[in-house]
Structure formats: C-alpha cells, structure tokens
Amino acid sequence: MHIRVNGVSHDLQVARLAQALEVLGYRQAAVATAVNGVFVPAGAREELLLADGDALEILAPMQGG
C-alpha cells in the first residue's frame, strides 16, 4: 500500500495504523497521529484501517522553551 508519512511517500505492507507505526520505528514512541488530517487517539490505532493513498502525520512532543 502506498501512503504518505509526514509528506514522504512510503510503500508499506500493513493494514492498520498500529502496524504502520511499528514498521516505521515508532512502536513505543509517545507520538500523536493523524490520518488524512483527522486526529487518531492512541487507543484507536489498533483498529484503524489504512487505505492506499492515505496521508499519515506523526508528531513527537517537543521539550524546552
């Protein structure tokens, strides 16, 4: 499946958002996610099915001031 992750094209062989995060190296990371501009809470990632052409945004919290 072809999806865009933070604006970069990726070909992933996954069906769910949680699987995509694992493949991309975010398995245990504290991140916020959105698919096609819609926020996806951490508890919904196992159930959310991705589709070809989806746009995934992964945002990590920043520290400092």
Protein backbone atom coordinates (compact mmCIF):
# COMPACT_ATOMS: atom_id res chain seq x y z
CA MET A 1 0.00 0.00 0.00
CA HIS A 2 1.28 3.46 -0.86
CA ILE A 3 0.87 6.12 1.86
CA ARG A 4 2.48 9.45 2.67
CA VAL A 5 4.10 9.78 6.09
CA ASN A 6 4.86 13.35 7.12
CA GLY A 7 4.87 14.24 3.43
CA VAL A 8 7.20 11.43 2.33
CA SER A 9 5.97 8.53 0.18
CA HIS A 10 6.22 5.01 1.63
CA ASP A 11 5.19 1.59 0.38
CA LEU A 12 4.09 -0.46 3.38
CA GLN A 13 2.62 -3.94 3.59
CA VAL A 14 0.35 -3.27 6.58
CA ALA A 15 -3.37 -2.89 7.13
CA ARG A 16 -3.65 -0.97 10.40
CA LEU A 17 -2.21 2.24 11.77
CA ALA A 18 -0.56 0.47 14.72
CA GLN A 19 1.26 -1.85 12.32
CA ALA A 20 2.46 1.09 10.24
CA LEU A 21 3.84 2.81 13.34
CA GLU A 22 5.74 -0.35 14.27
CA VAL A 23 7.23 -0.77 10.78
CA LEU A 24 8.24 2.89 10.73
CA GLY A 25 10.05 2.58 14.07
CA TYR A 26 7.51 4.30 16.34
CA ARG A 27 6.41 1.18 18.24
CA GLN A 28 6.99 2.50 21.78
CA ALA A 29 7.29 6.20 20.98
CA ALA A 30 4.99 8.77 22.55
CA VAL A 31 3.57 10.37 19.42
CA ALA A 32 0.38 11.95 18.19
CA THR A 33 -1.09 10.63 14.95
CA ALA A 34 -3.48 11.88 12.31
CA VAL A 35 -4.75 10.18 9.17
CA ASN A 36 -5.96 12.42 6.36
CA GLY A 37 -5.98 15.37 8.76
CA VAL A 38 -8.08 13.65 11.45
CA PHE A 39 -6.53 13.05 14.88
CA VAL A 40 -6.34 9.35 15.84
CA PRO A 41 -6.07 8.66 19.59
CA ALA A 42 -3.57 6.02 20.70
CA GLY A 43 -6.38 3.69 21.76
CA ALA A 44 -7.85 3.65 18.25
CA ARG A 45 -4.65 2.83 16.34
CA GLU A 46 -5.08 -0.98 16.53
CA GLU A 47 -8.49 -0.77 14.86
CA LEU A 48 -7.90 1.97 12.29
CA LEU A 49 -7.53 0.52 8.81
CA LEU A 50 -5.32 2.39 6.37
CA ALA A 51 -6.13 2.71 2.68
CA ASP A 52 -3.92 3.21 -0.34
CA GLY A 53 -3.17 6.92 -0.73
CA ASP A 54 -3.76 7.87 2.93
CA ALA A 55 -1.72 10.68 4.45
CA LEU A 56 -0.31 9.88 7.88
CA GLU A 57 1.13 12.55 10.15
CA ILE A 58 3.27 11.51 13.13
CA LEU A 59 4.14 14.22 15.61
CA ALA A 60 6.52 13.82 18.55
CA PRO A 61 6.25 16.15 21.56
CA MET A 62 9.00 18.71 21.94
CA GLN A 63 10.61 19.80 25.17
CA GLY A 64 12.26 23.05 26.05
CA GLY A 65 11.21 26.59 26.00
